[in-house]
């Protein structure tokens, strides 16, 4: 199959999958109640939350970029190439059991950037360890009794 035909087919498949996912969400959510809740929500808090999420996503993208092995050309994988792969992995984590989005993420980045799968998978494991350590530290300090 020609590369252009393959890209077109993948694009159509992606749109089809997106349409099915949207249909499932619309069927499983009370759209009227969701619209009412958004209408009552404080727009400033929504904008703040979206901004905080975007900053966190940017920082996680940069962190994973530092943990990934360098490409065969000796260059680091740019963040603009990492972010879409991370988003696919997060989607996989949301819809698949047992955090299967993580190995999907390692597979995609290794294939897309010509990295060794072991190095990409190792970077995902290391990132999970760092995330867990940060979460444990946060929990520890939030539960630490005040010293007078």
Protein backbone atom coordinates (compact mmCIF):
# COMPACT_ATOMS: atom_id res chain seq x y z
CA UNK A 1 0.00 0.00 0.00
CA UNK A 2 1.28 3.44 -0.92
CA UNK A 3 2.20 5.74 1.98
CA UNK A 4 -0.47 8.31 1.01
CA UNK A 5 -3.16 5.63 0.77
CA UNK A 6 -2.10 4.25 4.13
CA UNK A 7 -2.24 7.71 5.73
CA UNK A 8 -5.69 8.32 4.27
CA UNK A 9 -6.92 4.95 5.51
CA UNK A 10 -5.50 5.60 8.99
CA UNK A 11 -7.12 9.04 9.05
CA UNK A 12 -10.51 7.61 8.09
CA UNK A 13 -10.15 4.86 10.69
CA UNK A 14 -9.26 7.48 13.33
CA UNK A 15 -12.32 9.54 12.47
CA UNK A 16 -14.49 6.43 12.63
CA UNK A 17 -13.13 5.45 16.04
CA UNK A 18 -13.64 9.03 17.27
CA UNK A 19 -17.24 9.04 16.02
CA UNK A 20 -18.00 5.75 17.78
CA UNK A 21 -16.37 6.97 21.01
CA UNK A 22 -18.35 10.22 20.87
CA UNK A 23 -21.56 8.28 20.27
CA UNK A 24 -20.84 6.06 23.31
CA UNK A 25 -20.14 9.09 25.50
CA UNK A 26 -23.27 10.93 24.38
CA UNK A 27 -25.38 7.84 25.06
CA UNK A 28 -23.89 7.30 28.52
CA UNK A 29 -24.02 10.91 29.74
CA UNK A 30 -27.07 12.98 30.55
CA UNK A 31 -26.18 15.79 28.13
CA UNK A 32 -28.85 18.10 29.54
CA UNK A 33 -27.53 17.74 33.08
CA UNK A 34 -23.98 18.27 31.84
CA UNK A 35 -25.00 21.47 30.01
CA UNK A 36 -26.83 22.68 33.14
CA UNK A 37 -23.80 21.98 35.32
CA UNK A 38 -21.50 23.85 32.92
CA UNK A 39 -23.94 26.78 32.78
CA UNK A 40 -23.83 27.05 36.59
CA UNK A 41 -20.07 26.60 36.83
CA UNK A 42 -17.71 29.47 37.51
CA UNK A 43 -15.96 30.06 34.18
CA UNK A 44 -12.85 31.41 35.94
CA UNK A 45 -12.39 28.10 37.76
CA UNK A 46 -12.82 26.13 34.55
CA UNK A 47 -10.23 28.29 32.77
CA UNK A 48 -7.88 27.95 35.76
CA UNK A 49 -8.31 24.15 35.82
CA UNK A 50 -7.70 23.86 32.09
CA UNK A 51 -4.60 26.05 32.39
CA UNK A 52 -3.26 23.98 35.29
CA UNK A 53 -3.90 20.79 33.31
CA UNK A 54 -2.11 22.20 30.25
CA UNK A 55 0.90 23.22 32.34
CA UNK A 56 1.04 19.79 34.00
CA UNK A 57 0.81 18.08 30.62
CA UNK A 58 3.60 20.27 29.22
CA UNK A 59 5.82 19.46 32.21
CA UNK A 60 5.12 15.71 31.91
CA UNK A 61 5.92 15.90 28.20
CA UNK A 62 9.25 17.60 28.88
CA UNK A 63 10.05 15.11 31.66
CA UNK A 64 9.36 12.09 29.47
CA UNK A 65 11.47 13.69 26.73
CA UNK A 66 14.41 13.80 29.14
CA UNK A 67 13.87 10.17 30.19
CA UNK A 68 13.61 8.83 26.63
CA UNK A 69 16.79 7.56 24.98
CA UNK A 70 18.20 9.72 22.18
CA UNK A 71 17.21 8.93 18.60
CA UNK A 72 19.63 7.14 16.27
CA UNK A 73 20.64 10.54 14.85
CA UNK A 74 21.83 11.56 18.33
CA UNK A 75 19.03 14.10 18.84
CA UNK A 76 16.41 14.11 21.59
CA UNK A 77 12.79 13.54 20.62
CA UNK A 78 11.12 16.98 20.42
CA UNK A 79 8.17 17.67 22.73
CA UNK A 80 5.84 18.26 19.78
CA UNK A 81 6.43 14.62 18.76
CA UNK A 82 6.02 13.30 22.31
CA UNK A 83 2.75 15.01 23.23
CA UNK A 84 0.47 13.16 20.75
CA UNK A 85 1.92 9.82 21.85
CA UNK A 86 1.31 10.71 25.49
CA UNK A 87 -2.30 11.62 24.70
CA UNK A 88 -2.86 8.25 22.98
CA UNK A 89 -1.37 6.52 26.00
CA UNK A 90 -3.64 8.45 28.37
CA UNK A 91 -6.64 7.53 26.23
CA UNK A 92 -5.54 3.88 26.42
CA UNK A 93 -5.29 4.14 30.21
CA UNK A 94 -8.80 5.58 30.33
CA UNK A 95 -10.51 2.93 28.19
CA UNK A 96 -8.36 -0.19 28.64
CA UNK A 97 -7.80 -2.22 31.81
CA UNK A 98 -4.55 -2.51 33.75
CA UNK A 99 -3.02 0.76 32.45
CA UNK A 100 -2.43 -0.77 29.03
CA UNK A 101 -1.94 2.73 27.66
CA UNK A 102 1.59 2.68 29.06
CA UNK A 103 2.95 -0.12 26.85
CA UNK A 104 1.03 1.40 23.93
CA UNK A 105 2.85 4.67 24.58
CA UNK A 106 6.23 2.90 24.65
CA UNK A 107 5.43 1.02 21.44
CA UNK A 108 4.25 4.12 19.58
CA UNK A 109 7.20 6.32 20.53
CA UNK A 110 9.70 3.55 19.75
CA UNK A 111 8.17 2.96 16.33
CA UNK A 112 7.61 6.60 15.50
CA UNK A 113 11.08 7.77 16.54
CA UNK A 114 13.07 4.61 15.73
CA UNK A 115 14.00 4.02 19.37
CA UNK A 116 14.71 0.65 20.89
CA UNK A 117 11.49 -0.61 22.47
CA UNK A 118 13.35 -1.60 25.65
CA UNK A 119 14.65 1.94 26.11
CA UNK A 120 11.21 3.45 25.49
CA UNK A 121 9.54 0.96 27.84
CA UNK A 122 12.20 1.59 30.48
CA UNK A 123 11.54 5.33 30.29
CA UNK A 124 7.81 4.71 30.85
CA UNK A 125 8.56 2.50 33.88
CA UNK A 126 10.95 5.11 35.29
CA UNK A 127 8.36 7.83 34.74
CA UNK A 128 5.76 5.78 36.66
CA UNK A 129 8.25 5.32 39.52
CA UNK A 130 8.93 9.07 39.62
CA UNK A 131 5.17 9.81 39.56
CA UNK A 132 4.55 7.38 42.41
CA UNK A 133 7.42 8.83 44.45
CA UNK A 134 6.06 12.36 43.97
CA UNK A 135 2.55 11.22 44.92
CA UNK A 136 3.85 9.47 48.04
CA UNK A 137 5.82 12.56 49.02
CA UNK A 138 2.72 14.72 48.59
CA UNK A 139 0.63 12.34 50.70
CA UNK A 140 3.33 12.19 53.37
CA UNK A 141 3.61 15.96 53.71
CA UNK A 142 -0.16 16.52 53.59
CA UNK A 143 -0.59 14.08 56.48
CA UNK A 144 2.36 15.37 58.48
CA UNK A 145 1.18 16.72 61.86
CA UNK A 146 1.90 20.35 62.51
CA UNK A 147 4.84 21.08 64.75
CA UNK A 148 4.18 23.93 67.14
